[in-house]
Amino acid sequence: MKKKNEVFSQYIDQYLPTIHNTLRALRSCNLNPQIPYAQFLFSVTEYFGLLYLTSKGIYEKKSPNNFIDFFGSQHFPVEERCKSRLLWLIRNGLMHQIFPKGCGIGVCLEDQLFFSSKNNNNMIILNLRYFDAIIILAVESLIKNFEENEKLIENLHKKLIIEHYGFDDHKELDKEILSSFGGDYSKIFSNC
């Protein structure tokens, strides 16, 4: 129980309210800020994908497999799992080039991950409304899995509490401050 509490406290409970509040805000804008909405959905998928693979004993913080394997897992609808690599390609375009590679993002009321844009030469469009819905269900399913499976908690605790606490972000920050500012934290707050 102690390990589960440590894992949930550090990696799930503190983030869920922010995730839900952010999604509520993005949805309430009539889905107009589509780029940040899509980017946030991709980030949520990637984050929980990292937890998903880490729970299986695989810790690769920046691996595309975090996203691809999670989206291809039992936590997502069977009919959508084969689209994990296509989504990764779209994610890369959206995160690194502002726009998705070779397709678009938008919303439609249908329960399908992609739709064809009749107004834009039948371009493939990622349906953000449906993407949002299945991500939330997948995250809930994954968390339930963690709650019920002690082995998954053991793996998460070993990798994320003992070996790589906080994803080692503090270590990466310290290296950057040493490299860029000679280790002097006060230089961060002054002009370059």
C-alpha atoms as a PDB file:
ATOM      1  CA  MET A   1       0.000   0.000   0.000  1.00  0.00           C
ATOM      2  CA  LYS A   2       2.882   2.383   0.763  1.00  0.00           C
ATOM      3  CA  LYS A   3       4.424   1.893  -2.690  1.00  0.00           C
ATOM      4  CA  LYS A   4       1.085   2.407  -4.387  1.00  0.00           C
ATOM      5  CA  ASN A   5       0.500   5.618  -2.431  1.00  0.00           C
ATOM      6  CA  GLU A   6       3.961   6.923  -3.331  1.00  0.00           C
ATOM      7  CA  VAL A   7       3.475   6.166  -7.037  1.00  0.00           C
ATOM      8  CA  PHE A   8      -0.034   7.621  -7.172  1.00  0.00           C
ATOM      9  CA  SER A   9       0.928  10.706  -5.192  1.00  0.00           C
ATOM     10  CA  GLN A  10       3.949  11.526  -7.355  1.00  0.00           C
ATOM     11  CA  TYR A  11       2.758  10.483 -10.827  1.00  0.00           C
ATOM     12  CA  ILE A  12      -1.038  10.447 -10.971  1.00  0.00           C
ATOM     13  CA  ASP A  13      -2.948  12.268  -8.241  1.00  0.00           C
ATOM     14  CA  GLN A  14      -1.097  15.561  -8.528  1.00  0.00           C
ATOM     15  CA  TYR A  15      -1.611  15.725 -12.313  1.00  0.00           C
ATOM     16  CA  LEU A  16      -5.194  14.536 -12.824  1.00  0.00           C
ATOM     17  CA  PRO A  17      -6.860  17.756 -11.578  1.00  0.00           C
ATOM     18  CA  THR A  18      -4.687  19.859 -13.901  1.00  0.00           C
ATOM     19  CA  ILE A  19      -5.415  17.540 -16.818  1.00  0.00           C
ATOM     20  CA  HIS A  20      -9.164  17.669 -16.192  1.00  0.00           C
ATOM     21  CA  ASN A  21      -9.175  21.456 -15.691  1.00  0.00           C
ATOM     22  CA  THR A  22      -7.161  22.032 -18.852  1.00  0.00           C
ATOM     23  CA  LEU A  23      -9.410  19.780 -20.915  1.00  0.00           C
ATOM     24  CA  ARG A  24     -12.506  21.470 -19.484  1.00  0.00           C
ATOM     25  CA  ALA A  25     -11.077  24.874 -20.489  1.00  0.00           C
ATOM     26  CA  LEU A  26     -10.109  23.701 -23.985  1.00  0.00           C
ATOM     27  CA  ARG A  27     -13.518  22.090 -24.560  1.00  0.00           C
ATOM     28  CA  SER A  28     -15.383  25.183 -23.327  1.00  0.00           C
ATOM     29  CA  CYS A  29     -13.854  27.320 -26.096  1.00  0.00           C
ATOM     30  CA  ASN A  30     -16.107  25.578 -28.613  1.00  0.00           C
ATOM     31  CA  LEU A  31     -13.004  23.681 -29.662  1.00  0.00           C
ATOM     32  CA  ASN A  32     -11.586  26.773 -31.378  1.00  0.00           C
ATOM     33  CA  PRO A  33      -8.008  26.458 -30.058  1.00  0.00           C
ATOM     34  CA  GLN A  34      -7.542  23.218 -31.967  1.00  0.00           C
ATOM     35  CA  ILE A  35      -3.735  23.226 -32.072  1.00  0.00           C
ATOM     36  CA  PRO A  36      -3.193  23.528 -28.297  1.00  0.00           C
ATOM     37  CA  TYR A  37      -6.086  21.133 -27.708  1.00  0.00           C
ATOM     38  CA  ALA A  38      -4.512  18.494 -29.961  1.00  0.00           C
ATOM     39  CA  GLN A  39      -1.048  19.106 -28.520  1.00  0.00           C
ATOM     40  CA  PHE A  40      -2.378  18.646 -25.008  1.00  0.00           C
ATOM     41  CA  LEU A  41      -4.163  15.410 -25.956  1.00  0.00           C
ATOM     42  CA  PHE A  42      -0.943  14.087 -27.468  1.00  0.00           C
ATOM     43  CA  SER A  43       0.988  15.050 -24.334  1.00  0.00           C
ATOM     44  CA  VAL A  44      -1.506  13.283 -22.072  1.00  0.00           C
ATOM     45  CA  THR A  45      -1.283  10.167 -24.227  1.00  0.00           C
ATOM     46  CA  GLU A  46       2.496  10.290 -24.168  1.00  0.00           C
ATOM     47  CA  TYR A  47       2.693  10.845 -20.407  1.00  0.00           C
ATOM     48  CA  PHE A  48       0.401   7.948 -19.561  1.00  0.00           C
ATOM     49  CA  GLY A  49       2.155   5.902 -22.230  1.00  0.00           C
ATOM     50  CA  LEU A  50       5.374   6.394 -20.293  1.00  0.00           C
ATOM     51  CA  LEU A  51       3.629   5.175 -17.146  1.00  0.00           C
ATOM     52  CA  TYR A  52       2.129   2.271 -19.120  1.00  0.00           C
ATOM     53  CA  LEU A  53       5.498   1.013 -20.387  1.00  0.00           C
ATOM     54  CA  THR A  54       7.258   1.728 -17.114  1.00  0.00           C
ATOM     55  CA  SER A  55       4.667  -0.422 -15.339  1.00  0.00           C
ATOM     56  CA  LYS A  56       5.865  -3.244 -17.587  1.00  0.00           C
ATOM     57  CA  GLY A  57       9.465  -2.614 -16.485  1.00  0.00           C
ATOM     58  CA  ILE A  58      10.497  -0.579 -19.557  1.00  0.00           C
ATOM     59  CA  TYR A  59      11.691   2.961 -18.808  1.00  0.00           C
ATOM     60  CA  GLU A  60      12.633   5.023 -21.852  1.00  0.00           C
ATOM     61  CA  LYS A  61      11.617   8.578 -21.072  1.00  0.00           C
ATOM     62  CA  LYS A  62      11.747   9.934 -24.630  1.00  0.00           C
ATOM     63  CA  SER A  63      10.840   6.839 -26.641  1.00  0.00           C
ATOM     64  CA  PRO A  64       8.063   6.991 -29.255  1.00  0.00           C
ATOM     65  CA  ASN A  65       7.062   3.556 -27.967  1.00  0.00           C
ATOM     66  CA  ASN A  66       5.526   5.182 -24.899  1.00  0.00           C
ATOM     67  CA  PHE A  67       2.865   6.712 -27.140  1.00  0.00           C
ATOM     68  CA  ILE A  68       2.661   3.985 -29.791  1.00  0.00           C
ATOM     69  CA  ASP A  69       2.493   1.013 -27.421  1.00  0.00           C
ATOM     70  CA  PHE A  70      -0.013   2.681 -25.082  1.00  0.00           C
ATOM     71  CA  PHE A  71      -2.340   3.660 -27.923  1.00  0.00           C
ATOM     72  CA  GLY A  72      -2.000   0.137 -29.305  1.00  0.00           C
ATOM     73  CA  SER A  73      -2.857  -1.423 -25.941  1.00  0.00           C
ATOM     74  CA  GLN A  74      -6.001  -2.950 -24.475  1.00  0.00           C
ATOM     75  CA  HIS A  75      -6.862   0.412 -22.939  1.00  0.00           C
ATOM     76  CA  PHE A  76      -7.973   1.837 -26.307  1.00  0.00           C
ATOM     77  CA  PRO A  77     -10.790   0.631 -28.586  1.00  0.00           C
ATOM     78  CA  VAL A  78      -9.783  -2.419 -30.616  1.00  0.00           C
ATOM     79  CA  GLU A  79     -10.743  -0.762 -33.901  1.00  0.00           C
ATOM     80  CA  GLU A  80      -8.407   2.196 -33.246  1.00  0.00           C
ATOM     81  CA  ARG A  81      -5.253   0.439 -32.022  1.00  0.00           C
ATOM     82  CA  CYS A  82      -3.808  -0.110 -35.499  1.00  0.00           C
ATOM     83  CA  LYS A  83      -3.674   3.689 -35.941  1.00  0.00           C
ATOM     84  CA  SER A  84      -1.055   4.286 -33.244  1.00  0.00           C
ATOM     85  CA  ARG A  85       1.843   4.861 -35.671  1.00  0.00           C
ATOM     86  CA  LEU A  86      -0.240   7.182 -37.858  1.00  0.00           C
ATOM     87  CA  LEU A  87      -1.123   9.188 -34.756  1.00  0.00           C
ATOM     88  CA  TRP A  88       2.568   9.362 -33.818  1.00  0.00           C
ATOM     89  CA  LEU A  89       3.339  10.806 -37.251  1.00  0.00           C
ATOM     90  CA  ILE A  90       0.584  13.400 -36.842  1.00  0.00           C
ATOM     91  CA  ARG A  91       1.797  14.145 -33.313  1.00  0.00           C
ATOM     92  CA  ASN A  92       5.310  14.845 -34.595  1.00  0.00           C
ATOM     93  CA  GLY A  93       4.017  17.251 -37.204  1.00  0.00           C
ATOM     94  CA  LEU A  94       1.845  19.056 -34.702  1.00  0.00           C
ATOM     95  CA  MET A  95       4.442  19.266 -31.940  1.00  0.00           C
ATOM     96  CA  HIS A  96       7.433  20.147 -34.115  1.00  0.00           C
ATOM     97  CA  GLN A  97       5.955  21.943 -37.122  1.00  0.00           C
ATOM     98  CA  ILE A  98       2.786  23.470 -35.593  1.00  0.00           C
ATOM     99  CA  PHE A  99       0.614  21.636 -38.125  1.00  0.00           C
ATOM    100  CA  PRO A 100       0.120  17.877 -38.517  1.00  0.00           C
ATOM    101  CA  LYS A 101       1.962  16.071 -41.281  1.00  0.00           C
ATOM    102  CA  GLY A 102      -0.123  15.611 -44.416  1.00  0.00           C
ATOM    103  CA  CYS A 103      -3.492  15.860 -42.715  1.00  0.00           C
ATOM    104  CA  GLY A 104      -5.497  18.102 -40.440  1.00  0.00           C
ATOM    105  CA  ILE A 105      -7.186  18.370 -37.074  1.00  0.00           C
ATOM    106  CA  GLY A 106     -10.792  19.231 -36.393  1.00  0.00           C
ATOM    107  CA  VAL A 107     -14.000  18.036 -34.824  1.00  0.00           C
ATOM    108  CA  CYS A 108     -17.038  16.132 -35.918  1.00  0.00           C
ATOM    109  CA  LEU A 109     -19.817  14.596 -33.880  1.00  0.00           C
ATOM    110  CA  GLU A 110     -19.247  11.066 -35.160  1.00  0.00           C
ATOM    111  CA  ASP A 111     -17.493   8.474 -33.030  1.00  0.00           C
ATOM    112  CA  GLN A 112     -14.526   7.951 -35.287  1.00  0.00           C
ATOM    113  CA  LEU A 113     -10.886   8.877 -34.899  1.00  0.00           C
ATOM    114  CA  PHE A 114     -10.518  10.247 -38.437  1.00  0.00           C
ATOM    115  CA  PHE A 115     -12.866  11.786 -40.939  1.00  0.00           C
ATOM    116  CA  SER A 116     -12.463  13.020 -44.488  1.00  0.00           C
ATOM    117  CA  SER A 117     -12.691  16.762 -45.102  1.00  0.00           C
ATOM    118  CA  LYS A 118     -14.997  17.323 -48.052  1.00  0.00           C
ATOM    119  CA  ASN A 119     -13.934  21.003 -48.116  1.00  0.00           C
ATOM    120  CA  ASN A 120     -10.236  20.211 -48.379  1.00  0.00           C
ATOM    121  CA  ASN A 121      -9.697  17.571 -51.098  1.00  0.00           C
ATOM    122  CA  ASN A 122     -10.829  14.753 -48.782  1.00  0.00           C
ATOM    123  CA  MET A 123      -7.887  15.390 -46.461  1.00  0.00           C
ATOM    124  CA  ILE A 124      -7.662  13.060 -43.460  1.00  0.00           C
ATOM    125  CA  ILE A 125      -8.726  14.950 -40.330  1.00  0.00           C
ATOM    126  CA  LEU A 126      -8.074  13.808 -36.762  1.00  0.00           C
ATOM    127  CA  ASN A 127     -11.333  14.125 -34.805  1.00  0.00           C
ATOM    128  CA  LEU A 128     -10.246  15.828 -31.590  1.00  0.00           C
ATOM    129  CA  ARG A 129     -13.585  15.287 -29.848  1.00  0.00           C
ATOM    130  CA  TYR A 130     -13.369  11.514 -30.257  1.00  0.00           C
ATOM    131  CA  PHE A 131      -9.607  11.442 -29.571  1.00  0.00           C
ATOM    132  CA  ASP A 132     -10.282  13.238 -26.275  1.00  0.00           C
ATOM    133  CA  ALA A 133     -13.014  10.781 -25.300  1.00  0.00           C
ATOM    134  CA  ILE A 134     -10.970   7.657 -25.906  1.00  0.00           C
ATOM    135  CA  ILE A 135      -7.880   9.057 -24.174  1.00  0.00           C
ATOM    136  CA  ILE A 136      -9.864   9.802 -21.027  1.00  0.00           C
ATOM    137  CA  LEU A 137     -11.317   6.282 -21.029  1.00  0.00           C
ATOM    138  CA  ALA A 138      -7.863   4.786 -21.639  1.00  0.00           C
ATOM    139  CA  VAL A 139      -6.315   6.759 -18.776  1.00  0.00           C
ATOM    140  CA  GLU A 140      -9.117   5.660 -16.446  1.00  0.00           C
ATOM    141  CA  SER A 141      -8.618   2.050 -17.550  1.00  0.00           C
ATOM    142  CA  LEU A 142      -4.854   2.269 -17.019  1.00  0.00           C
ATOM    143  CA  ILE A 143      -5.252   3.771 -13.549  1.00  0.00           C
ATOM    144  CA  LYS A 144      -7.710   1.020 -12.635  1.00  0.00           C
ATOM    145  CA  ASN A 145      -5.128  -1.514 -13.843  1.00  0.00           C
ATOM    146  CA  PHE A 146      -2.527   0.065 -11.578  1.00  0.00           C
ATOM    147  CA  GLU A 147      -4.927  -0.008  -8.630  1.00  0.00           C
ATOM    148  CA  GLU A 148      -5.629  -3.707  -9.125  1.00  0.00           C
ATOM    149  CA  ASN A 149      -2.223  -5.079 -10.101  1.00  0.00           C
ATOM    150  CA  GLU A 150       0.499  -5.101  -7.473  1.00  0.00           C
ATOM    151  CA  LYS A 151       3.164  -6.176  -9.992  1.00  0.00           C
ATOM    152  CA  LEU A 152       2.565  -3.052 -12.067  1.00  0.00           C
ATOM    153  CA  ILE A 153       2.904  -0.911  -8.944  1.00  0.00           C
ATOM    154  CA  GLU A 154       6.124  -2.739  -8.051  1.00  0.00           C
ATOM    155  CA  ASN A 155       7.568  -1.936 -11.465  1.00  0.00           C
ATOM    156  CA  LEU A 156       6.446   1.691 -11.307  1.00  0.00           C
ATOM    157  CA  HIS A 157       7.828   2.112  -7.803  1.00  0.00           C
ATOM    158  CA  LYS A 158      11.173   0.575  -8.706  1.00  0.00           C
ATOM    159  CA  LYS A 159      11.650   2.619 -11.864  1.00  0.00           C
ATOM    160  CA  LEU A 160       9.998   5.928 -10.897  1.00  0.00           C
ATOM    161  CA  ILE A 161      10.545   6.226  -7.162  1.00  0.00           C
ATOM    162  CA  ILE A 162      13.800   4.363  -6.565  1.00  0.00           C
ATOM    163  CA  GLU A 163      15.720   4.614  -9.863  1.00  0.00           C
ATOM    164  CA  HIS A 164      14.342   7.683 -11.689  1.00  0.00           C
ATOM    165  CA  TYR A 165      12.455   9.808  -9.180  1.00  0.00           C
ATOM    166  CA  GLY A 166      10.566  12.609 -10.896  1.00  0.00           C
ATOM    167  CA  PHE A 167      11.739  11.204 -14.243  1.00  0.00           C
ATOM    168  CA  ASP A 168      15.145  12.593 -13.202  1.00  0.00           C
ATOM    169  CA  ASP A 169      13.972  16.026 -14.331  1.00  0.00           C
ATOM    170  CA  HIS A 170      15.852  17.653 -11.455  1.00  0.00           C
ATOM    171  CA  LYS A 171      19.098  16.027 -12.649  1.00  0.00           C
ATOM    172  CA  GLU A 172      18.529  17.281 -16.195  1.00  0.00           C
ATOM    173  CA  LEU A 173      17.785  20.765 -14.852  1.00  0.00           C
ATOM    174  CA  ASP A 174      20.965  20.758 -12.766  1.00  0.00           C
ATOM    175  CA  LYS A 175      23.024  19.698 -15.826  1.00  0.00           C
ATOM    176  CA  GLU A 176      21.511  22.479 -17.912  1.00  0.00           C
ATOM    177  CA  ILE A 177      22.170  25.105 -15.247  1.00  0.00           C
ATOM    178  CA  LEU A 178      25.736  23.881 -14.909  1.00  0.00           C
ATOM    179  CA  SER A 179      26.212  23.934 -18.685  1.00  0.00           C
ATOM    180  CA  SER A 180      24.499  27.243 -19.454  1.00  0.00           C
ATOM    181  CA  PHE A 181      25.152  29.231 -16.272  1.00  0.00           C
ATOM    182  CA  GLY A 182      28.221  27.623 -14.732  1.00  0.00           C
ATOM    183  CA  GLY A 183      26.033  26.240 -11.973  1.00  0.00           C
ATOM    184  CA  ASP A 184      25.018  29.721 -10.778  1.00  0.00           C
ATOM    185  CA  TYR A 185      21.229  29.636 -10.281  1.00  0.00           C
ATOM    186  CA  SER A 186      21.077  33.410  -9.777  1.00  0.00           C
ATOM    187  CA  LYS A 187      22.113  33.972 -13.415  1.00  0.00           C
ATOM    188  CA  ILE A 188      18.777  32.505 -14.524  1.00  0.00           C
ATOM    189  CA  PHE A 189      17.033  35.594 -13.205  1.00  0.00           C
ATOM    190  CA  SER A 190      19.397  38.170 -14.712  1.00  0.00           C
ATOM    191  CA  ASN A 191      19.879  39.375 -18.262  1.00  0.00           C
ATOM    192  CA  CYS A 192      22.184  37.307 -20.468  1.00  0.00           C
END
